[in-house]
PDB file of N, CA and C in Angstrom:
ATOM      1  N   MET A   1      60.087 -35.791  15.691  1.00  0.00           N
ATOM      2  CA  MET A   1      61.087 -34.514  15.626  1.00  0.00           C
ATOM      3  C   MET A   1      60.508 -33.293  16.365  1.00  0.00           C
ATOM      4  N   ALA A   2      61.071 -33.265  17.342  1.00  0.00           N
ATOM      5  CA  ALA A   2      60.730 -31.933  18.179  1.00  0.00           C
ATOM      6  C   ALA A   2      61.065 -30.622  17.491  1.00  0.00           C
ATOM      7  N   LYS A   3      60.152 -29.660  17.509  1.00  0.00           N
ATOM      8  CA  LYS A   3      60.211 -28.326  16.559  1.00  0.00           C
ATOM      9  C   LYS A   3      61.377 -27.735  17.629  1.00  0.00           C
ATOM     10  N   LYS A   4      62.188 -26.710  16.941  1.00  0.00           N
ATOM     11  CA  LYS A   4      63.215 -26.038  17.613  1.00  0.00           C
ATOM     12  C   LYS A   4      62.781 -24.921  18.302  1.00  0.00           C
ATOM     13  N   LYS A   5      63.149 -24.616  19.443  1.00  0.00           N
ATOM     14  CA  LYS A   5      62.284 -23.655  20.240  1.00  0.00           C
ATOM     15  C   LYS A   5      63.140 -22.184  19.884  1.00  0.00           C
ATOM     16  N   THR A   6      62.297 -21.486  19.388  1.00  0.00           N
ATOM     17  CA  THR A   6      62.729 -20.202  19.244  1.00  0.00           C
ATOM     18  C   THR A   6      62.353 -19.052  20.052  1.00  0.00           C
ATOM     19  N   PHE A   7      62.654 -17.836  19.990  1.00  0.00           N
ATOM     20  CA  PHE A   7      62.323 -16.545  20.873  1.00  0.00           C
ATOM     21  C   PHE A   7      60.700 -16.467  20.528  1.00  0.00           C
ATOM     22  N   GLU A   8      60.581 -16.531  19.140  1.00  0.00           N
ATOM     23  CA  GLU A   8      59.157 -16.190  19.015  1.00  0.00           C
ATOM     24  C   GLU A   8      57.909 -17.070  19.627  1.00  0.00           C
ATOM     25  N   SER A   9      58.593 -18.568  19.252  1.00  0.00           N
ATOM     26  CA  SER A   9      57.556 -19.699  19.828  1.00  0.00           C
ATOM     27  C   SER A   9      57.521 -19.556  21.022  1.00  0.00           C
ATOM     28  N   SER A  10      58.679 -19.176  21.976  1.00  0.00           N
ATOM     29  CA  SER A  10      58.639 -19.156  23.461  1.00  0.00           C
ATOM     30  C   SER A  10      57.726 -18.062  23.803  1.00  0.00           C
ATOM     31  N   LEU A  11      57.733 -16.945  23.183  1.00  0.00           N
ATOM     32  CA  LEU A  11      56.864 -15.692  23.416  1.00  0.00           C
ATOM     33  C   LEU A  11      55.598 -15.527  23.292  1.00  0.00           C
ATOM     34  N   GLU A  12      55.166 -16.532  22.135  1.00  0.00           N
ATOM     35  CA  GLU A  12      53.532 -16.944  22.048  1.00  0.00           C
ATOM     36  C   GLU A  12      53.306 -17.737  23.038  1.00  0.00           C
ATOM     37  N   GLU A  13      54.109 -18.821  23.324  1.00  0.00           N
ATOM     38  CA  GLU A  13      53.559 -19.838  24.272  1.00  0.00           C
ATOM     39  C   GLU A  13      53.546 -19.106  25.991  1.00  0.00           C
ATOM     40  N   LEU A  14      54.359 -18.172  26.235  1.00  0.00           N
ATOM     41  CA  LEU A  14      54.326 -17.229  27.408  1.00  0.00           C
ATOM     42  C   LEU A  14      52.948 -16.540  27.291  1.00  0.00           C
ATOM     43  N   GLU A  15      52.767 -15.885  26.121  1.00  0.00           N
ATOM     44  CA  GLU A  15      51.586 -15.139  26.077  1.00  0.00           C
ATOM     45  C   GLU A  15      50.095 -15.982  26.311  1.00  0.00           C
ATOM     46  N   LEU A  16      50.091 -16.997  25.841  1.00  0.00           N
ATOM     47  CA  LEU A  16      49.140 -18.137  26.102  1.00  0.00           C
ATOM     48  C   LEU A  16      48.980 -18.183  27.575  1.00  0.00           C
ATOM     49  N   ILE A  17      50.007 -18.470  28.242  1.00  0.00           N
ATOM     50  CA  ILE A  17      49.845 -19.045  29.585  1.00  0.00           C
ATOM     51  C   ILE A  17      49.641 -17.681  30.250  1.00  0.00           C
ATOM     52  N   VAL A  18      49.787 -16.662  29.842  1.00  0.00           N
ATOM     53  CA  VAL A  18      49.387 -15.476  30.919  1.00  0.00           C
ATOM     54  C   VAL A  18      47.896 -15.494  30.780  1.00  0.00           C
ATOM     55  N   LYS A  19      47.617 -15.576  29.620  1.00  0.00           N
ATOM     56  CA  LYS A  19      46.236 -15.329  29.156  1.00  0.00           C
ATOM     57  C   LYS A  19      45.258 -16.197  30.172  1.00  0.00           C
ATOM     58  N   GLU A  20      45.703 -17.511  30.042  1.00  0.00           N
ATOM     59  CA  GLU A  20      44.996 -18.872  30.988  1.00  0.00           C
ATOM     60  C   GLU A  20      45.002 -18.372  32.294  1.00  0.00           C
ATOM     61  N   LEU A  21      46.232 -17.904  32.991  1.00  0.00           N
ATOM     62  CA  LEU A  21      46.493 -17.622  34.162  1.00  0.00           C
ATOM     63  C   LEU A  21      45.582 -16.346  34.588  1.00  0.00           C
ATOM     64  N   GLU A  22      45.407 -15.356  33.828  1.00  0.00           N
ATOM     65  CA  GLU A  22      44.491 -14.427  34.129  1.00  0.00           C
ATOM     66  C   GLU A  22      43.101 -14.571  34.199  1.00  0.00           C
ATOM     67  N   SER A  23      42.870 -15.603  33.141  1.00  0.00           N
ATOM     68  CA  SER A  23      41.404 -16.029  33.124  1.00  0.00           C
ATOM     69  C   SER A  23      40.766 -16.378  34.601  1.00  0.00           C
ATOM     70  N   GLY A  24      41.720 -17.085  35.486  1.00  0.00           N
ATOM     71  CA  GLY A  24      40.990 -17.434  36.719  1.00  0.00           C
ATOM     72  C   GLY A  24      40.223 -18.472  36.737  1.00  0.00           C
ATOM     73  N   ASN A  25      40.143 -19.329  35.760  1.00  0.00           N
ATOM     74  CA  ASN A  25      39.517 -20.458  35.500  1.00  0.00           C
ATOM     75  C   ASN A  25      40.196 -21.914  35.809  1.00  0.00           C
ATOM     76  N   LEU A  26      41.512 -21.900  36.174  1.00  0.00           N
ATOM     77  CA  LEU A  26      42.424 -22.997  36.128  1.00  0.00           C
ATOM     78  C   LEU A  26      42.213 -23.179  38.044  1.00  0.00           C
ATOM     79  N   PRO A  27      42.221 -24.795  38.059  1.00  0.00           N
ATOM     80  CA  PRO A  27      42.440 -25.136  39.558  1.00  0.00           C
ATOM     81  C   PRO A  27      43.796 -24.757  39.785  1.00  0.00           C
ATOM     82  N   LEU A  28      43.897 -24.771  40.952  1.00  0.00           N
ATOM     83  CA  LEU A  28      45.473 -24.209  41.797  1.00  0.00           C
ATOM     84  C   LEU A  28      46.580 -24.922  41.326  1.00  0.00           C
ATOM     85  N   GLU A  29      46.540 -26.388  40.964  1.00  0.00           N
ATOM     86  CA  GLU A  29      47.754 -27.108  40.607  1.00  0.00           C
ATOM     87  C   GLU A  29      48.194 -26.973  39.135  1.00  0.00           C
ATOM     88  N   ASP A  30      46.922 -26.733  38.263  1.00  0.00           N
ATOM     89  CA  ASP A  30      47.244 -26.594  36.924  1.00  0.00           C
ATOM     90  C   ASP A  30      47.751 -25.089  36.869  1.00  0.00           C
ATOM     91  N   ALA A  31      47.181 -24.226  37.611  1.00  0.00           N
ATOM     92  CA  ALA A  31      47.673 -22.859  37.451  1.00  0.00           C
ATOM     93  C   ALA A  31      49.315 -22.707  38.040  1.00  0.00           C
ATOM     94  N   ILE A  32      49.760 -23.613  39.016  1.00  0.00           N
ATOM     95  CA  ILE A  32      51.109 -23.333  39.492  1.00  0.00           C
ATOM     96  C   ILE A  32      51.801 -24.093  38.168  1.00  0.00           C
ATOM     97  N   LYS A  33      51.613 -25.281  37.720  1.00  0.00           N
ATOM     98  CA  LYS A  33      52.001 -25.876  36.427  1.00  0.00           C
ATOM     99  C   LYS A  33      52.345 -25.052  35.225  1.00  0.00           C
ATOM    100  N   LYS A  34      51.254 -24.071  35.081  1.00  0.00           N
ATOM    101  CA  LYS A  34      51.649 -23.125  33.953  1.00  0.00           C
ATOM    102  C   LYS A  34      52.265 -21.900  34.431  1.00  0.00           C
ATOM    103  N   PHE A  35      52.353 -21.744  35.591  1.00  0.00           N
ATOM    104  CA  PHE A  35      53.273 -20.474  36.054  1.00  0.00           C
ATOM    105  C   PHE A  35      54.653 -21.201  35.871  1.00  0.00           C
ATOM    106  N   GLU A  36      54.930 -22.310  36.260  1.00  0.00           N
ATOM    107  CA  GLU A  36      56.302 -22.574  36.194  1.00  0.00           C
ATOM    108  C   GLU A  36      56.560 -22.637  34.629  1.00  0.00           C
ATOM    109  N   SER A  37      55.859 -23.148  33.861  1.00  0.00           N
ATOM    110  CA  SER A  37      56.039 -23.134  32.318  1.00  0.00           C
ATOM    111  C   SER A  37      56.319 -21.822  31.750  1.00  0.00           C
ATOM    112  N   GLY A  38      55.705 -20.711  32.348  1.00  0.00           N
ATOM    113  CA  GLY A  38      55.920 -19.372  31.742  1.00  0.00           C
ATOM    114  C   GLY A  38      57.139 -18.875  32.389  1.00  0.00           C
ATOM    115  N   MET A  39      57.611 -19.246  33.569  1.00  0.00           N
ATOM    116  CA  MET A  39      58.805 -18.797  33.969  1.00  0.00           C
ATOM    117  C   MET A  39      59.834 -19.472  32.791  1.00  0.00           C
ATOM    118  N   LYS A  40      59.782 -20.673  32.779  1.00  0.00           N
ATOM    119  CA  LYS A  40      60.892 -21.358  31.845  1.00  0.00           C
ATOM    120  C   LYS A  40      60.881 -20.502  30.512  1.00  0.00           C
ATOM    121  N   CYS A  41      59.567 -20.187  29.828  1.00  0.00           N
ATOM    122  CA  CYS A  41      59.492 -19.335  28.728  1.00  0.00           C
ATOM    123  C   CYS A  41      60.132 -18.111  28.677  1.00  0.00           C
ATOM    124  N   SER A  42      59.951 -17.392  29.879  1.00  0.00           N
ATOM    125  CA  SER A  42      60.580 -16.062  30.212  1.00  0.00           C
ATOM    126  C   SER A  42      62.100 -16.173  30.201  1.00  0.00           C
ATOM    127  N   ARG A  43      62.643 -17.240  31.045  1.00  0.00           N
ATOM    128  CA  ARG A  43      63.709 -17.340  30.984  1.00  0.00           C
ATOM    129  C   ARG A  43      64.850 -17.679  29.571  1.00  0.00           C
ATOM    130  N   PHE A  44      63.973 -18.348  28.918  1.00  0.00           N
ATOM    131  CA  PHE A  44      64.703 -18.596  27.727  1.00  0.00           C
ATOM    132  C   PHE A  44      64.538 -17.549  26.728  1.00  0.00           C
ATOM    133  N   CYS A  45      63.582 -16.341  26.768  1.00  0.00           N
ATOM    134  CA  CYS A  45      63.177 -15.241  26.096  1.00  0.00           C
ATOM    135  C   CYS A  45      64.612 -14.395  26.420  1.00  0.00           C
ATOM    136  N   LEU A  46      64.787 -14.277  27.860  1.00  0.00           N
ATOM    137  CA  LEU A  46      65.474 -13.211  28.230  1.00  0.00           C
ATOM    138  C   LEU A  46      67.070 -13.723  27.690  1.00  0.00           C
ATOM    139  N   GLU A  47      67.332 -14.901  28.000  1.00  0.00           N
ATOM    140  CA  GLU A  47      68.361 -15.408  27.623  1.00  0.00           C
ATOM    141  C   GLU A  47      68.824 -15.222  26.273  1.00  0.00           C
ATOM    142  N   LYS A  48      67.811 -15.462  25.196  1.00  0.00           N
ATOM    143  CA  LYS A  48      67.776 -15.069  23.749  1.00  0.00           C
ATOM    144  C   LYS A  48      68.149 -13.468  23.616  1.00  0.00           C
ATOM    145  N   LEU A  49      67.501 -12.757  24.145  1.00  0.00           N
ATOM    146  CA  LEU A  49      67.635 -11.343  24.219  1.00  0.00           C
ATOM    147  C   LEU A  49      68.990 -10.605  24.499  1.00  0.00           C
ATOM    148  N   ASP A  50      69.502 -11.517  25.684  1.00  0.00           N
ATOM    149  CA  ASP A  50      71.038 -11.198  26.175  1.00  0.00           C
ATOM    150  C   ASP A  50      71.951 -11.462  24.995  1.00  0.00           C
ATOM    151  N   GLU A  51      71.816 -12.779  24.171  1.00  0.00           N
ATOM    152  CA  GLU A  51      72.769 -13.243  23.359  1.00  0.00           C
ATOM    153  C   GLU A  51      72.594 -12.254  21.994  1.00  0.00           C
ATOM    154  N   ILE A  52      71.341 -11.758  21.574  1.00  0.00           N
ATOM    155  CA  ILE A  52      71.093 -11.188  20.651  1.00  0.00           C
ATOM    156  C   ILE A  52      72.074  -9.665  20.675  1.00  0.00           C
ATOM    157  N   GLU A  53      71.572  -9.050  21.861  1.00  0.00           N
ATOM    158  CA  GLU A  53      72.223  -7.748  22.365  1.00  0.00           C
ATOM    159  C   GLU A  53      73.685  -7.879  22.080  1.00  0.00           C
ATOM    160  N   ASN A  54      74.361  -9.140  22.625  1.00  0.00           N
ATOM    161  CA  ASN A  54      75.638  -8.969  22.602  1.00  0.00           C
ATOM    162  C   ASN A  54      76.229  -9.332  20.986  1.00  0.00           C
ATOM    163  N   LYS A  55      75.574  -9.667  20.295  1.00  0.00           N
ATOM    164  CA  LYS A  55      75.975  -9.762  18.894  1.00  0.00           C
ATOM    165  C   LYS A  55      75.664  -8.255  18.102  1.00  0.00           C
ATOM    166  N   ILE A  56      74.586  -7.537  18.404  1.00  0.00           N
ATOM    167  CA  ILE A  56      74.450  -6.376  17.633  1.00  0.00           C
ATOM    168  C   ILE A  56      75.780  -5.428  17.419  1.00  0.00           C
ATOM    169  N   THR A  57      75.788  -4.840  16.663  1.00  0.00           N
ATOM    170  CA  THR A  57      76.877  -3.810  16.196  1.00  0.00           C
ATOM    171  C   THR A  57      76.448  -2.829  15.242  1.00  0.00           C
ATOM    172  N   ILE A  58      76.705  -1.548  15.597  1.00  0.00           N
ATOM    173  CA  ILE A  58      76.280  -0.616  14.677  1.00  0.00           C
ATOM    174  C   ILE A  58      77.609  -0.395  13.682  1.00  0.00           C
ATOM    175  N   LEU A  59      77.264  -0.014  12.360  1.00  0.00           N
ATOM    176  CA  LEU A  59      78.334   0.054  11.373  1.00  0.00           C
ATOM    177  C   LEU A  59      78.288   1.584  11.272  1.00  0.00           C
ATOM    178  N   ILE A  60      79.221   2.353  11.367  1.00  0.00           N
ATOM    179  CA  ILE A  60      79.274   3.645  11.255  1.00  0.00           C
ATOM    180  C   ILE A  60      80.544   3.999  10.278  1.00  0.00           C
ATOM    181  N   ASN A  61      80.190   4.812   9.453  1.00  0.00           N
ATOM    182  CA  ASN A  61      81.215   5.621   8.279  1.00  0.00           C
ATOM    183  C   ASN A  61      81.945   6.505   9.188  1.00  0.00           C
ATOM    184  N   ASP A  62      83.370   6.173   8.974  1.00  0.00           N
ATOM    185  CA  ASP A  62      84.233   7.102   9.579  1.00  0.00           C
ATOM    186  C   ASP A  62      84.771   8.480   8.969  1.00  0.00           C
ATOM    187  N   GLY A  63      84.066   8.464   8.019  1.00  0.00           N
ATOM    188  CA  GLY A  63      84.128   9.691   7.226  1.00  0.00           C
ATOM    189  C   GLY A  63      85.041   9.989   6.012  1.00  0.00           C
ATOM    190  N   ASN A  64      85.760   8.690   6.134  1.00  0.00           N
ATOM    191  CA  ASN A  64      87.011   8.529   5.019  1.00  0.00           C
ATOM    192  C   ASN A  64      86.421   7.230   4.182  1.00  0.00           C
ATOM    193  N   GLY A  65      85.202   7.144   4.057  1.00  0.00           N
ATOM    194  CA  GLY A  65      84.779   5.816   3.509  1.00  0.00           C
ATOM    195  C   GLY A  65      84.793   4.570   4.106  1.00  0.00           C
ATOM    196  N   ASN A  66      85.378   4.659   5.407  1.00  0.00           N
ATOM    197  CA  ASN A  66      85.554   3.135   5.999  1.00  0.00           C
ATOM    198  C   ASN A  66      84.496   3.007   7.128  1.00  0.00           C
ATOM    199  N   LEU A  67      84.263   1.551   6.999  1.00  0.00           N
ATOM    200  CA  LEU A  67      83.002   1.272   8.055  1.00  0.00           C
ATOM    201  C   LEU A  67      83.785   0.829   9.325  1.00  0.00           C
ATOM    202  N   GLN A  68      83.432   1.170  10.135  1.00  0.00           N
ATOM    203  CA  GLN A  68      84.081   0.915  11.563  1.00  0.00           C
ATOM    204  C   GLN A  68      82.821  -0.042  12.300  1.00  0.00           C
ATOM    205  N   GLU A  69      83.155  -1.114  13.085  1.00  0.00           N
ATOM    206  CA  GLU A  69      82.206  -1.814  13.890  1.00  0.00           C
ATOM    207  C   GLU A  69      82.599  -1.304  15.418  1.00  0.00           C
ATOM    208  N   LYS A  70      81.082  -0.999  15.836  1.00  0.00           N
ATOM    209  CA  LYS A  70      81.343  -0.574  17.206  1.00  0.00           C
ATOM    210  C   LYS A  70      80.081  -1.313  17.858  1.00  0.00           C
ATOM    211  N   PRO A  71      80.471  -1.738  18.936  1.00  0.00           N
ATOM    212  CA  PRO A  71      79.223  -2.249  20.081  1.00  0.00           C
ATOM    213  C   PRO A  71      77.949  -1.243  20.065  1.00  0.00           C
ATOM    214  N   PHE A  72      76.945  -2.196  20.354  1.00  0.00           N
ATOM    215  CA  PHE A  72      75.650  -1.631  20.284  1.00  0.00           C
ATOM    216  C   PHE A  72      75.626  -1.017  21.810  1.00  0.00           C
ATOM    217  N   ASP A  73      75.297   0.385  21.892  1.00  0.00           N
ATOM    218  CA  ASP A  73      75.085   0.822  22.962  1.00  0.00           C
ATOM    219  C   ASP A  73      73.763   1.395  23.263  1.00  0.00           C
ATOM    220  N   ASN A  74      72.712   1.140  24.251  1.00  0.00           N
ATOM    221  CA  ASN A  74      71.392   1.199  24.061  1.00  0.00           C
ATOM    222  C   ASN A  74      70.980   2.763  25.000  1.00  0.00           C
ATOM    223  N   GLU A  75      72.157   3.335  25.105  1.00  0.00           N
ATOM    224  CA  GLU A  75      71.703   4.533  26.089  1.00  0.00           C
ATOM    225  C   GLU A  75      72.225   5.712  25.347  1.00  0.00           C
TER     226      GLU A  75
END
């Protein structure tokens, strides 16, 4: 059974790939394969972050003891 891909595992994999690429010790073909894998990890992480951002809400007390759900605004 394959381990479920998570944001954390993809980010960790991406960090390892970057270290390997930065080392400069990979043959060109291996470096290209690592770069492609890194791009897949990067895309997965960005998609997960977009998903999470869409789910985030801030609960605000309206002053009357009621909670209101408002979309997250990062600005």
